[in-house]
Amino acid sequence: MNPLIQSHLRYAASLALALLAATTIANASPASDEQSLQRGASEDVTAQQKYRSAIREAGGAYKESLRECAQESAVESRRACTRAAKDTYDRDMADARRILKP
């Protein structure tokens, strides 16, 4: 596939994920915030619990990174920042999936 098309597809995917994250945050209720705090108060014991925590943390870190990337003034800097954030997110998610593998 043409590298320019691949770049545009990655950029579109990053924007779609950012929009999804923003929508999810906007729809979060105070009750879900409280549940989140209660979950964090207890230690993860099972692999499934550790996996869920890892993916929540990966998503949160990605969201924060995208927020920081949006502050970049130059388009190329913003794209590079977004690309780096996505790469980090992908690595974090791969690490999370390894939690479930024996």
PDB file of N, CA and C in Angstrom:
ATOM      1  N   MET A   1       0.850  -1.178   0.000  1.00  0.00           N
ATOM      2  CA  MET A   1       0.000   0.000   0.000  1.00  0.00           C
ATOM      3  C   MET A   1       0.894   1.239   0.000  1.00  0.00           C
ATOM      4  N   ASN A   2       0.445   2.251  -0.641  1.00  0.00           N
ATOM      5  CA  ASN A   2       1.156   3.513  -0.738  1.00  0.00           C
ATOM      6  C   ASN A   2       1.424   4.060   0.672  1.00  0.00           C
ATOM      7  N   PRO A   3       2.678   4.451   0.978  1.00  0.00           N
ATOM      8  CA  PRO A   3       3.001   4.975   2.313  1.00  0.00           C
ATOM      9  C   PRO A   3       2.170   6.205   2.693  1.00  0.00           C
ATOM     10  N   LEU A   4       1.842   7.029   1.733  1.00  0.00           N
ATOM     11  CA  LEU A   4       1.035   8.213   2.027  1.00  0.00           C
ATOM     12  C   LEU A   4      -0.369   7.801   2.461  1.00  0.00           C
ATOM     13  N   ILE A   5      -0.922   6.815   1.789  1.00  0.00           N
ATOM     14  CA  ILE A   5      -2.256   6.321   2.158  1.00  0.00           C
ATOM     15  C   ILE A   5      -2.203   5.687   3.539  1.00  0.00           C
ATOM     16  N   GLN A   6      -1.148   4.908   3.821  1.00  0.00           N
ATOM     17  CA  GLN A   6      -1.007   4.299   5.141  1.00  0.00           C
ATOM     18  C   GLN A   6      -0.944   5.369   6.224  1.00  0.00           C
ATOM     19  N   SER A   7      -0.196   6.420   5.954  1.00  0.00           N
ATOM     20  CA  SER A   7      -0.070   7.518   6.912  1.00  0.00           C
ATOM     21  C   SER A   7      -1.423   8.168   7.170  1.00  0.00           C
ATOM     22  N   HIS A   8      -2.171   8.385   6.128  1.00  0.00           N
ATOM     23  CA  HIS A   8      -3.491   9.011   6.270  1.00  0.00           C
ATOM     24  C   HIS A   8      -4.444   8.090   7.019  1.00  0.00           C
ATOM     25  N   LEU A   9      -4.359   6.795   6.760  1.00  0.00           N
ATOM     26  CA  LEU A   9      -5.224   5.843   7.463  1.00  0.00           C
ATOM     27  C   LEU A   9      -4.883   5.802   8.948  1.00  0.00           C
ATOM     28  N   ARG A  10      -3.590   5.814   9.273  1.00  0.00           N
ATOM     29  CA  ARG A  10      -3.191   5.825  10.684  1.00  0.00           C
ATOM     30  C   ARG A  10      -3.687   7.103  11.365  1.00  0.00           C
ATOM     31  N   TYR A  11      -3.551   8.214  10.665  1.00  0.00           N
ATOM     32  CA  TYR A  11      -4.001   9.489  11.226  1.00  0.00           C
ATOM     33  C   TYR A  11      -5.510   9.468  11.461  1.00  0.00           C
ATOM     34  N   ALA A  12      -6.266   8.942  10.489  1.00  0.00           N
ATOM     35  CA  ALA A  12      -7.722   8.857  10.631  1.00  0.00           C
ATOM     36  C   ALA A  12      -8.097   7.937  11.783  1.00  0.00           C
ATOM     37  N   ALA A  13      -7.374   6.835  11.927  1.00  0.00           N
ATOM     38  CA  ALA A  13      -7.650   5.909  13.028  1.00  0.00           C
ATOM     39  C   ALA A  13      -7.362   6.576  14.375  1.00  0.00           C
ATOM     40  N   SER A  14      -6.283   7.340  14.439  1.00  0.00           N
ATOM     41  CA  SER A  14      -5.948   8.053  15.680  1.00  0.00           C
ATOM     42  C   SER A  14      -7.033   9.063  16.033  1.00  0.00           C
ATOM     43  N   LEU A  15      -7.502   9.777  15.031  1.00  0.00           N
ATOM     44  CA  LEU A  15      -8.576  10.744  15.286  1.00  0.00           C
ATOM     45  C   LEU A  15      -9.848  10.048  15.748  1.00  0.00           C
ATOM     46  N   ALA A  16     -10.159   8.913  15.135  1.00  0.00           N
ATOM     47  CA  ALA A  16     -11.355   8.167  15.529  1.00  0.00           C
ATOM     48  C   ALA A  16     -11.241   7.697  16.980  1.00  0.00           C
ATOM     49  N   LEU A  17     -10.061   7.212  17.367  1.00  0.00           N
ATOM     50  CA  LEU A  17      -9.864   6.782  18.750  1.00  0.00           C
ATOM     51  C   LEU A  17      -9.968   7.967  19.713  1.00  0.00           C
ATOM     52  N   ALA A  18      -9.423   9.090  19.322  1.00  0.00           N
ATOM     53  CA  ALA A  18      -9.507  10.278  20.173  1.00  0.00           C
ATOM     54  C   ALA A  18     -10.964  10.711  20.344  1.00  0.00           C
ATOM     55  N   LEU A  19     -11.723  10.668  19.275  1.00  0.00           N
ATOM     56  CA  LEU A  19     -13.142  11.023  19.349  1.00  0.00           C
ATOM     57  C   LEU A  19     -13.896  10.055  20.235  1.00  0.00           C
ATOM     58  N   LEU A  20     -13.602   8.777  20.103  1.00  0.00           N
ATOM     59  CA  LEU A  20     -14.239   7.766  20.942  1.00  0.00           C
ATOM     60  C   LEU A  20     -13.912   8.005  22.416  1.00  0.00           C
ATOM     61  N   ALA A  21     -12.654   8.293  22.694  1.00  0.00           N
ATOM     62  CA  ALA A  21     -12.244   8.557  24.074  1.00  0.00           C
ATOM     63  C   ALA A  21     -12.958   9.788  24.625  1.00  0.00           C
ATOM     64  N   ALA A  22     -13.037  10.839  23.835  1.00  0.00           N
ATOM     65  CA  ALA A  22     -13.708  12.065  24.285  1.00  0.00           C
ATOM     66  C   ALA A  22     -15.190  11.821  24.529  1.00  0.00           C
ATOM     67  N   THR A  23     -15.825  11.048  23.673  1.00  0.00           N
ATOM     68  CA  THR A  23     -17.247  10.734  23.836  1.00  0.00           C
ATOM     69  C   THR A  23     -17.464   9.909  25.092  1.00  0.00           C
ATOM     70  N   THR A  24     -16.592   8.946  25.327  1.00  0.00           N
ATOM     71  CA  THR A  24     -16.710   8.099  26.511  1.00  0.00           C
ATOM     72  C   THR A  24     -16.574   8.924  27.778  1.00  0.00           C
ATOM     73  N   ILE A  25     -15.621   9.835  27.784  1.00  0.00           N
ATOM     74  CA  ILE A  25     -15.414  10.677  28.956  1.00  0.00           C
ATOM     75  C   ILE A  25     -16.620  11.584  29.179  1.00  0.00           C
ATOM     76  N   ALA A  26     -17.140  12.142  28.113  1.00  0.00           N
ATOM     77  CA  ALA A  26     -18.280  13.041  28.228  1.00  0.00           C
ATOM     78  C   ALA A  26     -19.509  12.316  28.766  1.00  0.00           C
ATOM     79  N   ASN A  27     -19.622  11.027  28.459  1.00  0.00           N
ATOM     80  CA  ASN A  27     -20.787  10.254  28.896  1.00  0.00           C
ATOM     81  C   ASN A  27     -20.590   9.569  30.241  1.00  0.00           C
ATOM     82  N   ALA A  28     -19.413   9.708  30.835  1.00  0.00           N
ATOM     83  CA  ALA A  28     -19.156   9.066  32.119  1.00  0.00           C
ATOM     84  C   ALA A  28     -20.014   9.704  33.204  1.00  0.00           C
ATOM     85  N   SER A  29     -20.544   8.874  34.053  1.00  0.00           N
ATOM     86  CA  SER A  29     -21.388   9.385  35.137  1.00  0.00           C
ATOM     87  C   SER A  29     -20.582   9.422  36.428  1.00  0.00           C
ATOM     88  N   PRO A  30     -21.019  10.242  37.385  1.00  0.00           N
ATOM     89  CA  PRO A  30     -20.345  10.268  38.684  1.00  0.00           C
ATOM     90  C   PRO A  30     -20.354   8.893  39.346  1.00  0.00           C
ATOM     91  N   ALA A  31     -21.411   8.114  39.103  1.00  0.00           N
ATOM     92  CA  ALA A  31     -21.490   6.770  39.682  1.00  0.00           C
ATOM     93  C   ALA A  31     -20.372   5.895  39.131  1.00  0.00           C
ATOM     94  N   SER A  32     -20.092   6.023  37.831  1.00  0.00           N
ATOM     95  CA  SER A  32     -19.018   5.211  37.251  1.00  0.00           C
ATOM     96  C   SER A  32     -17.662   5.658  37.792  1.00  0.00           C
ATOM     97  N   ASP A  33     -17.515   6.946  38.096  1.00  0.00           N
ATOM     98  CA  ASP A  33     -16.281   7.431  38.702  1.00  0.00           C
ATOM     99  C   ASP A  33     -16.099   6.808  40.077  1.00  0.00           C
ATOM    100  N   GLU A  34     -17.164   6.746  40.831  1.00  0.00           N
ATOM    101  CA  GLU A  34     -17.111   6.153  42.178  1.00  0.00           C
ATOM    102  C   GLU A  34     -16.785   4.666  42.093  1.00  0.00           C
ATOM    103  N   GLN A  35     -17.397   3.982  41.133  1.00  0.00           N
ATOM    104  CA  GLN A  35     -17.109   2.549  40.955  1.00  0.00           C
ATOM    105  C   GLN A  35     -15.643   2.356  40.587  1.00  0.00           C
ATOM    106  N   SER A  36     -15.132   3.235  39.767  1.00  0.00           N
ATOM    107  CA  SER A  36     -13.735   3.158  39.360  1.00  0.00           C
ATOM    108  C   SER A  36     -12.819   3.317  40.577  1.00  0.00           C
ATOM    109  N   LEU A  37     -13.144   4.250  41.435  1.00  0.00           N
ATOM    110  CA  LEU A  37     -12.347   4.457  42.650  1.00  0.00           C
ATOM    111  C   LEU A  37     -12.414   3.239  43.556  1.00  0.00           C
ATOM    112  N   GLN A  38     -13.586   2.649  43.675  1.00  0.00           N
ATOM    113  CA  GLN A  38     -13.733   1.461  44.522  1.00  0.00           C
ATOM    114  C   GLN A  38     -12.926   0.296  43.967  1.00  0.00           C
ATOM    115  N   ARG A  39     -12.923   0.140  42.638  1.00  0.00           N
ATOM    116  CA  ARG A  39     -12.142  -0.934  42.018  1.00  0.00           C
ATOM    117  C   ARG A  39     -10.660  -0.722  42.283  1.00  0.00           C
ATOM    118  N   GLY A  40     -10.228   0.519  42.218  1.00  0.00           N
ATOM    119  CA  GLY A  40      -8.813   0.817  42.423  1.00  0.00           C
ATOM    120  C   GLY A  40      -8.369   0.645  43.859  1.00  0.00           C
ATOM    121  N   ALA A  41      -9.314   0.629  44.779  1.00  0.00           N
ATOM    122  CA  ALA A  41      -8.977   0.499  46.190  1.00  0.00           C
ATOM    123  C   ALA A  41      -8.599  -0.930  46.557  1.00  0.00           C
ATOM    124  N   SER A  42      -8.987  -1.898  45.745  1.00  0.00           N
ATOM    125  CA  SER A  42      -8.653  -3.287  46.036  1.00  0.00           C
ATOM    126  C   SER A  42      -7.577  -3.772  45.064  1.00  0.00           C
ATOM    127  N   GLU A  43      -6.706  -4.629  45.574  1.00  0.00           N
ATOM    128  CA  GLU A  43      -5.598  -5.133  44.766  1.00  0.00           C
ATOM    129  C   GLU A  43      -6.091  -6.141  43.731  1.00  0.00           C
ATOM    130  N   ASP A  44      -5.493  -6.080  42.546  1.00  0.00           N
ATOM    131  CA  ASP A  44      -5.810  -7.059  41.513  1.00  0.00           C
ATOM    132  C   ASP A  44      -5.149  -8.386  41.880  1.00  0.00           C
ATOM    133  N   VAL A  45      -5.937  -9.446  41.852  1.00  0.00           N
ATOM    134  CA  VAL A  45      -5.424 -10.749  42.232  1.00  0.00           C
ATOM    135  C   VAL A  45      -5.339 -11.678  41.022  1.00  0.00           C
ATOM    136  N   THR A  46      -6.412 -11.751  40.259  1.00  0.00           N
ATOM    137  CA  THR A  46      -6.451 -12.675  39.133  1.00  0.00           C
ATOM    138  C   THR A  46      -5.823 -12.044  37.888  1.00  0.00           C
ATOM    139  N   ALA A  47      -5.479 -12.897  36.948  1.00  0.00           N
ATOM    140  CA  ALA A  47      -4.921 -12.410  35.682  1.00  0.00           C
ATOM    141  C   ALA A  47      -5.930 -11.531  34.955  1.00  0.00           C
ATOM    142  N   GLN A  48      -7.194 -11.898  35.023  1.00  0.00           N
ATOM    143  CA  GLN A  48      -8.241 -11.108  34.356  1.00  0.00           C
ATOM    144  C   GLN A  48      -8.336  -9.709  34.967  1.00  0.00           C
ATOM    145  N   GLN A  49      -8.249  -9.620  36.283  1.00  0.00           N
ATOM    146  CA  GLN A  49      -8.289  -8.310  36.947  1.00  0.00           C
ATOM    147  C   GLN A  49      -7.068  -7.475  36.560  1.00  0.00           C
ATOM    148  N   LYS A  50      -5.915  -8.111  36.526  1.00  0.00           N
ATOM    149  CA  LYS A  50      -4.690  -7.394  36.149  1.00  0.00           C
ATOM    150  C   LYS A  50      -4.770  -6.923  34.701  1.00  0.00           C
ATOM    151  N   TYR A  51      -5.327  -7.770  33.840  1.00  0.00           N
ATOM    152  CA  TYR A  51      -5.506  -7.407  32.435  1.00  0.00           C
ATOM    153  C   TYR A  51      -6.420  -6.199  32.299  1.00  0.00           C
ATOM    154  N   ARG A  52      -7.552  -6.238  32.978  1.00  0.00           N
ATOM    155  CA  ARG A  52      -8.500  -5.112  32.896  1.00  0.00           C
ATOM    156  C   ARG A  52      -7.877  -3.820  33.396  1.00  0.00           C
ATOM    157  N   SER A  53      -7.125  -3.900  34.478  1.00  0.00           N
ATOM    158  CA  SER A  53      -6.443  -2.702  34.987  1.00  0.00           C
ATOM    159  C   SER A  53      -5.420  -2.192  33.979  1.00  0.00           C
ATOM    160  N   ALA A  54      -4.697  -3.111  33.375  1.00  0.00           N
ATOM    161  CA  ALA A  54      -3.675  -2.719  32.403  1.00  0.00           C
ATOM    162  C   ALA A  54      -4.297  -2.031  31.198  1.00  0.00           C
ATOM    163  N   ILE A  55      -5.443  -2.547  30.706  1.00  0.00           N
ATOM    164  CA  ILE A  55      -6.044  -1.894  29.536  1.00  0.00           C
ATOM    165  C   ILE A  55      -6.668  -0.555  29.914  1.00  0.00           C
ATOM    166  N   ARG A  56      -7.192  -0.447  31.132  1.00  0.00           N
ATOM    167  CA  ARG A  56      -7.709   0.856  31.578  1.00  0.00           C
ATOM    168  C   ARG A  56      -6.567   1.870  31.673  1.00  0.00           C
ATOM    169  N   GLU A  57      -5.449   1.435  32.233  1.00  0.00           N
ATOM    170  CA  GLU A  57      -4.301   2.336  32.359  1.00  0.00           C
ATOM    171  C   GLU A  57      -3.746   2.719  30.987  1.00  0.00           C
ATOM    172  N   ALA A  58      -3.694   1.769  30.077  1.00  0.00           N
ATOM    173  CA  ALA A  58      -3.203   2.058  28.721  1.00  0.00           C
ATOM    174  C   ALA A  58      -4.111   3.081  28.043  1.00  0.00           C
ATOM    175  N   GLY A  59      -5.415   2.889  28.172  1.00  0.00           N
ATOM    176  CA  GLY A  59      -6.370   3.825  27.572  1.00  0.00           C
ATOM    177  C   GLY A  59      -6.271   5.209  28.186  1.00  0.00           C
ATOM    178  N   GLY A  60      -6.114   5.264  29.508  1.00  0.00           N
ATOM    179  CA  GLY A  60      -5.980   6.552  30.186  1.00  0.00           C
ATOM    180  C   GLY A  60      -4.714   7.284  29.786  1.00  0.00           C
ATOM    181  N   ALA A  61      -3.621   6.542  29.710  1.00  0.00           N
ATOM    182  CA  ALA A  61      -2.353   7.155  29.302  1.00  0.00           C
ATOM    183  C   ALA A  61      -2.437   7.650  27.855  1.00  0.00           C
ATOM    184  N   TYR A  62      -3.103   6.860  27.022  1.00  0.00           N
ATOM    185  CA  TYR A  62      -3.260   7.264  25.615  1.00  0.00           C
ATOM    186  C   TYR A  62      -4.092   8.537  25.517  1.00  0.00           C
ATOM    187  N   LYS A  63      -5.143   8.595  26.277  1.00  0.00           N
ATOM    188  CA  LYS A  63      -6.003   9.779  26.280  1.00  0.00           C
ATOM    189  C   LYS A  63      -5.213  11.014  26.721  1.00  0.00           C
ATOM    190  N   GLU A  64      -4.425  10.864  27.764  1.00  0.00           N
ATOM    191  CA  GLU A  64      -3.607  11.987  28.241  1.00  0.00           C
ATOM    192  C   GLU A  64      -2.587  12.406  27.179  1.00  0.00           C
ATOM    193  N   SER A  65      -1.985  11.426  26.536  1.00  0.00           N
ATOM    194  CA  SER A  65      -1.001  11.734  25.489  1.00  0.00           C
ATOM    195  C   SER A  65      -1.647  12.491  24.339  1.00  0.00           C
ATOM    196  N   LEU A  66      -2.833  12.062  23.942  1.00  0.00           N
ATOM    197  CA  LEU A  66      -3.530  12.756  22.852  1.00  0.00           C
ATOM    198  C   LEU A  66      -3.880  14.188  23.248  1.00  0.00           C
ATOM    199  N   ARG A  67      -4.238  14.370  24.498  1.00  0.00           N
ATOM    200  CA  ARG A  67      -4.543  15.715  24.985  1.00  0.00           C
ATOM    201  C   ARG A  67      -3.295  16.594  24.893  1.00  0.00           C
ATOM    202  N   GLU A  68      -2.149  16.029  25.262  1.00  0.00           N
ATOM    203  CA  GLU A  68      -0.890  16.779  25.166  1.00  0.00           C
ATOM    204  C   GLU A  68      -0.528  17.048  23.707  1.00  0.00           C
ATOM    205  N   CYS A  69      -0.772  16.063  22.848  1.00  0.00           N
ATOM    206  CA  CYS A  69      -0.469  16.232  21.425  1.00  0.00           C
ATOM    207  C   CYS A  69      -1.311  17.361  20.819  1.00  0.00           C
ATOM    208  N   ALA A  70      -2.528  17.499  21.268  1.00  0.00           N
ATOM    209  CA  ALA A  70      -3.418  18.533  20.735  1.00  0.00           C
ATOM    210  C   ALA A  70      -2.882  19.930  21.041  1.00  0.00           C
ATOM    211  N   GLN A  71      -2.018  20.046  22.033  1.00  0.00           N
ATOM    212  CA  GLN A  71      -1.452  21.339  22.407  1.00  0.00           C
ATOM    213  C   GLN A  71      -0.334  21.780  21.454  1.00  0.00           C
ATOM    214  N   GLU A  72       0.198  20.821  20.693  1.00  0.00           N
ATOM    215  CA  GLU A  72       1.276  21.140  19.743  1.00  0.00           C
ATOM    216  C   GLU A  72       0.756  22.111  18.688  1.00  0.00           C
ATOM    217  N   SER A  73       1.562  23.117  18.367  1.00  0.00           N
ATOM    218  CA  SER A  73       1.103  24.123  17.409  1.00  0.00           C
ATOM    219  C   SER A  73       1.329  23.706  15.956  1.00  0.00           C
ATOM    220  N   ALA A  74       2.440  23.057  15.679  1.00  0.00           N
ATOM    221  CA  ALA A  74       2.754  22.667  14.301  1.00  0.00           C
ATOM    222  C   ALA A  74       2.072  21.343  13.958  1.00  0.00           C
ATOM    223  N   VAL A  75       1.527  21.272  12.768  1.00  0.00           N
ATOM    224  CA  VAL A  75       0.799  20.081  12.321  1.00  0.00           C
ATOM    225  C   VAL A  75       1.696  18.851  12.351  1.00  0.00           C
ATOM    226  N   GLU A  76       2.913  18.971  11.834  1.00  0.00           N
ATOM    227  CA  GLU A  76       3.823  17.829  11.804  1.00  0.00           C
ATOM    228  C   GLU A  76       4.187  17.372  13.211  1.00  0.00           C
ATOM    229  N   SER A  77       4.373  18.315  14.129  1.00  0.00           N
ATOM    230  CA  SER A  77       4.666  17.956  15.513  1.00  0.00           C
ATOM    231  C   SER A  77       3.495  17.209  16.132  1.00  0.00           C
ATOM    232  N   ARG A  78       2.294  17.689  15.831  1.00  0.00           N
ATOM    233  CA  ARG A  78       1.084  17.048  16.345  1.00  0.00           C
ATOM    234  C   ARG A  78       0.956  15.628  15.803  1.00  0.00           C
ATOM    235  N   ARG A  79       1.219  15.465  14.513  1.00  0.00           N
ATOM    236  CA  ARG A  79       1.144  14.126  13.897  1.00  0.00           C
ATOM    237  C   ARG A  79       2.180  13.190  14.497  1.00  0.00           C
ATOM    238  N   ALA A  80       3.397  13.686  14.658  1.00  0.00           N
ATOM    239  CA  ALA A  80       4.461  12.855  15.230  1.00  0.00           C
ATOM    240  C   ALA A  80       4.123  12.476  16.668  1.00  0.00           C
ATOM    241  N   CYS A  81       3.605  13.418  17.409  1.00  0.00           N
ATOM    242  CA  CYS A  81       3.215  13.170  18.791  1.00  0.00           C
ATOM    243  C   CYS A  81       2.095  12.128  18.852  1.00  0.00           C
ATOM    244  N   THR A  82       1.101  12.292  18.001  1.00  0.00           N
ATOM    245  CA  THR A  82      -0.021  11.355  17.959  1.00  0.00           C
ATOM    246  C   THR A  82       0.459   9.967  17.562  1.00  0.00           C
ATOM    247  N   ARG A  83       1.353   9.896  16.602  1.00  0.00           N
ATOM    248  CA  ARG A  83       1.909   8.619  16.152  1.00  0.00           C
ATOM    249  C   ARG A  83       2.672   7.948  17.300  1.00  0.00           C
ATOM    250  N   ALA A  84       3.468   8.718  18.026  1.00  0.00           N
ATOM    251  CA  ALA A  84       4.223   8.172  19.154  1.00  0.00           C
ATOM    252  C   ALA A  84       3.278   7.700  20.259  1.00  0.00           C
ATOM    253  N   ALA A  85       2.213   8.466  20.499  1.00  0.00           N
ATOM    254  CA  ALA A  85       1.226   8.076  21.505  1.00  0.00           C
ATOM    255  C   ALA A  85       0.559   6.759  21.117  1.00  0.00           C
ATOM    256  N   LYS A  86       0.232   6.613  19.855  1.00  0.00           N
ATOM    257  CA  LYS A  86      -0.402   5.383  19.376  1.00  0.00           C
ATOM    258  C   LYS A  86       0.553   4.204  19.486  1.00  0.00           C
ATOM    259  N   ASP A  87       1.822   4.419  19.159  1.00  0.00           N
ATOM    260  CA  ASP A  87       2.817   3.350  19.283  1.00  0.00           C
ATOM    261  C   ASP A  87       2.940   2.891  20.735  1.00  0.00           C
ATOM    262  N   THR A  88       2.976   3.843  21.648  1.00  0.00           N
ATOM    263  CA  THR A  88       3.052   3.511  23.072  1.00  0.00           C
ATOM    264  C   THR A  88       1.800   2.758  23.514  1.00  0.00           C
ATOM    265  N   TYR A  89       0.644   3.223  23.068  1.00  0.00           N
ATOM    266  CA  TYR A  89      -0.620   2.551  23.395  1.00  0.00           C
ATOM    267  C   TYR A  89      -0.607   1.110  22.878  1.00  0.00           C
ATOM    268  N   ASP A  90      -0.154   0.923  21.647  1.00  0.00           N
ATOM    269  CA  ASP A  90      -0.099  -0.422  21.074  1.00  0.00           C
ATOM    270  C   ASP A  90       0.820  -1.332  21.890  1.00  0.00           C
ATOM    271  N   ARG A  91       1.969  -0.805  22.319  1.00  0.00           N
ATOM    272  CA  ARG A  91       2.881  -1.598  23.159  1.00  0.00           C
ATOM    273  C   ARG A  91       2.239  -1.925  24.502  1.00  0.00           C
ATOM    274  N   ASP A  92       1.579  -0.935  25.109  1.00  0.00           N
ATOM    275  CA  ASP A  92       0.913  -1.165  26.386  1.00  0.00           C
ATOM    276  C   ASP A  92      -0.181  -2.226  26.268  1.00  0.00           C
ATOM    277  N   MET A  93      -0.924  -2.183  25.169  1.00  0.00           N
ATOM    278  CA  MET A  93      -1.982  -3.179  24.960  1.00  0.00           C
ATOM    279  C   MET A  93      -1.382  -4.563  24.715  1.00  0.00           C
ATOM    280  N   ALA A  94      -0.267  -4.635  24.014  1.00  0.00           N
ATOM    281  CA  ALA A  94       0.400  -5.923  23.798  1.00  0.00           C
ATOM    282  C   ALA A  94       0.879  -6.481  25.140  1.00  0.00           C
ATOM    283  N   ASP A  95       1.410  -5.599  25.990  1.00  0.00           N
ATOM    284  CA  ASP A  95       1.839  -6.033  27.335  1.00  0.00           C
ATOM    285  C   ASP A  95       0.637  -6.547  28.122  1.00  0.00           C
ATOM    286  N   ALA A  96      -0.483  -5.871  28.007  1.00  0.00           N
ATOM    287  CA  ALA A  96      -1.690  -6.288  28.726  1.00  0.00           C
ATOM    288  C   ALA A  96      -2.154  -7.661  28.240  1.00  0.00           C
ATOM    289  N   ARG A  97      -2.107  -7.890  26.941  1.00  0.00           N
ATOM    290  CA  ARG A  97      -2.528  -9.198  26.413  1.00  0.00           C
ATOM    291  C   ARG A  97      -1.616 -10.317  26.913  1.00  0.00           C
ATOM    292  N   ARG A  98      -0.340 -10.001  27.119  1.00  0.00           N
ATOM    293  CA  ARG A  98       0.597 -11.016  27.619  1.00  0.00           C
ATOM    294  C   ARG A  98       0.261 -11.440  29.051  1.00  0.00           C
ATOM    295  N   ILE A  99      -0.442 -10.611  29.781  1.00  0.00           N
ATOM    296  CA  ILE A  99      -0.842 -10.968  31.148  1.00  0.00           C
ATOM    297  C   ILE A  99      -1.714 -12.214  31.142  1.00  0.00           C
ATOM    298  N   LEU A 100      -2.547 -12.335  30.124  1.00  0.00           N
ATOM    299  CA  LEU A 100      -3.490 -13.456  30.050  1.00  0.00           C
ATOM    300  C   LEU A 100      -2.861 -14.729  29.500  1.00  0.00           C
ATOM    301  N   LYS A 101      -1.705 -14.619  28.866  1.00  0.00           N
ATOM    302  CA  LYS A 101      -1.062 -15.800  28.300  1.00  0.00           C
ATOM    303  C   LYS A 101      -0.255 -16.518  29.378  1.00  0.00           C
ATOM    304  N   PRO A 102      -0.413 -17.839  29.456  1.00  0.00           N
ATOM    305  CA  PRO A 102       0.338 -18.597  30.491  1.00  0.00           C
ATOM    306  C   PRO A 102       1.821 -18.658  30.212  1.00  0.00           C
TER     307      PRO A 102
END
